[in-house]
Amino acid sequence: MDNNFIKAMQAFKASHANDTLIGSFQQYVLTTPDTSNDGLGYQTIYKFPNGYDASVVHGLYTYDLELAVLLFDDNSNYSIDYCTSITHDVIDHLTQQELADTLNDIREL
């Protein structure tokens, strides 16, 4: 990997490690902010009692904070739910307040 890219990734990770975690929703966190599968960002999964869940990611290749509504199957695998009143796609460019508001909307479904 290019040395400049590595430095950019390290700087991003140092300054954005907790962006996907909203403290008032701590009780619903299934996975803590951790590097996403590609190692280029962070992901937190929120699991709500109503059966709707959320994935929040922030990385070098995301559009700021992004949220997707999830559905888990019986084997704990999940997929994006494109058919909710919250959204029909991934929501991007979220501020921390918009993220908290959207998580609350999902919790209230």
Protein backbone atom coordinates (compact mmCIF):
# COMPACT_ATOMS: atom_id res chain seq x y z
CA MET A 1 0.00 0.00 0.00
CA ASP A 2 1.02 3.56 -0.65
CA ASN A 3 2.56 5.27 2.40
CA ASN A 4 0.32 8.35 1.98
CA PHE A 5 -2.76 6.13 1.93
CA ILE A 6 -1.66 4.38 5.13
CA LYS A 7 -1.12 7.73 6.84
CA ALA A 8 -4.55 8.95 5.69
CA MET A 9 -6.17 5.77 7.01
CA GLN A 10 -4.43 6.06 10.36
CA ALA A 11 -5.51 9.71 10.70
CA PHE A 12 -9.09 8.83 9.77
CA LYS A 13 -9.26 5.98 12.26
CA ALA A 14 -7.79 8.11 15.06
CA SER A 15 -10.34 10.87 14.59
CA HIS A 16 -13.49 8.85 13.76
CA ALA A 17 -13.35 5.71 15.91
CA ASN A 18 -16.54 6.48 17.83
CA ASP A 19 -18.57 8.27 15.15
CA THR A 20 -20.87 5.28 14.64
CA LEU A 21 -21.66 4.93 18.36
CA ILE A 22 -24.49 7.00 19.87
CA GLY A 23 -24.30 6.86 23.66
CA SER A 24 -28.03 7.09 24.31
CA PHE A 25 -28.48 3.87 22.28
CA GLN A 26 -25.72 1.94 24.08
CA GLN A 27 -28.18 -0.69 25.36
CA TYR A 28 -29.02 -1.65 21.76
CA VAL A 29 -25.45 -2.05 20.51
CA LEU A 30 -24.83 -5.55 19.16
CA THR A 31 -21.31 -4.81 17.92
CA THR A 32 -19.12 -2.03 19.22
CA PRO A 33 -17.40 0.38 16.84
CA ASP A 34 -15.01 -1.89 15.09
CA THR A 35 -13.30 -1.87 11.78
CA SER A 36 -15.60 -2.91 9.01
CA ASN A 37 -14.84 -5.92 6.85
CA ASP A 38 -12.57 -3.96 4.55
CA GLY A 39 -10.61 -2.40 7.41
CA LEU A 40 -11.16 1.06 5.96
CA GLY A 41 -13.75 2.32 8.41
CA TYR A 42 -15.97 1.59 11.37
CA GLN A 43 -19.29 -0.20 11.80
CA THR A 44 -21.72 -0.43 14.72
CA ILE A 45 -24.80 -2.65 14.60
CA TYR A 46 -27.82 -1.75 16.72
CA LYS A 47 -30.41 -4.42 17.54
CA PHE A 48 -33.85 -3.23 18.66
CA PRO A 49 -36.57 -5.27 20.44
CA ASN A 50 -39.08 -4.60 17.64
CA GLY A 51 -37.08 -6.77 15.22
CA TYR A 52 -35.71 -3.87 13.20
CA ASP A 53 -32.02 -3.21 13.43
CA ALA A 54 -29.49 -0.76 12.03
CA SER A 55 -25.98 -0.78 10.67
CA VAL A 56 -24.03 2.47 10.90
CA VAL A 57 -20.77 2.79 9.00
CA HIS A 58 -18.20 5.52 8.54
CA GLY A 59 -15.09 5.02 6.49
CA LEU A 60 -12.81 6.38 3.85
CA TYR A 61 -15.18 5.23 1.11
CA THR A 62 -18.52 6.11 2.71
CA TYR A 63 -20.52 9.30 2.37
CA ASP A 64 -19.88 10.47 5.92
CA LEU A 65 -22.07 8.53 8.37
CA GLU A 66 -24.30 5.99 6.61
CA LEU A 67 -27.18 4.02 8.07
CA ALA A 68 -29.04 0.98 6.74
CA VAL A 69 -32.08 -0.68 8.28
CA LEU A 70 -31.39 -4.39 8.80
CA LEU A 71 -33.35 -7.57 9.27
CA PHE A 72 -31.74 -10.60 10.94
CA ASP A 73 -32.70 -14.15 10.02
CA ASP A 74 -32.86 -17.13 12.40
CA ASN A 75 -29.13 -17.81 11.85
CA SER A 76 -28.10 -14.28 12.90
CA ASN A 77 -27.31 -13.31 9.33
CA TYR A 78 -28.60 -9.95 8.25
CA SER A 79 -29.61 -8.15 5.11
CA ILE A 80 -30.63 -4.60 4.35
CA ASP A 81 -34.38 -4.00 4.54
CA TYR A 82 -35.32 -1.70 1.66
CA CYS A 83 -39.04 -1.66 2.51
CA THR A 84 -39.50 0.39 5.68
CA SER A 85 -41.10 3.74 6.35
CA ILE A 86 -37.65 4.96 7.41
CA THR A 87 -35.95 4.57 4.05
CA HIS A 88 -35.90 2.55 0.85
CA ASP A 89 -32.11 2.76 0.62
CA VAL A 90 -29.02 3.49 2.68
CA ILE A 91 -29.13 6.95 4.28
CA ASP A 92 -25.87 8.87 3.91
CA HIS A 93 -24.37 12.22 4.93
CA LEU A 94 -25.90 11.96 8.42
CA THR A 95 -24.91 14.27 11.24
CA GLN A 96 -24.68 12.84 14.75
CA GLN A 97 -28.09 14.34 15.58
CA GLU A 98 -29.69 12.97 12.40
CA LEU A 99 -28.20 9.57 13.20
CA ALA A 100 -29.66 9.64 16.72
CA ASP A 101 -33.05 10.74 15.37
CA THR A 102 -33.05 7.98 12.73
CA LEU A 103 -32.07 5.32 15.28
CA ASN A 104 -34.95 6.50 17.44
CA ASP A 105 -37.32 6.26 14.45
CA ILE A 106 -36.19 2.68 13.84
CA ARG A 107 -36.62 1.80 17.50
CA GLU A 108 -40.16 3.18 17.37
CA LEU A 109 -41.27 1.22 14.26
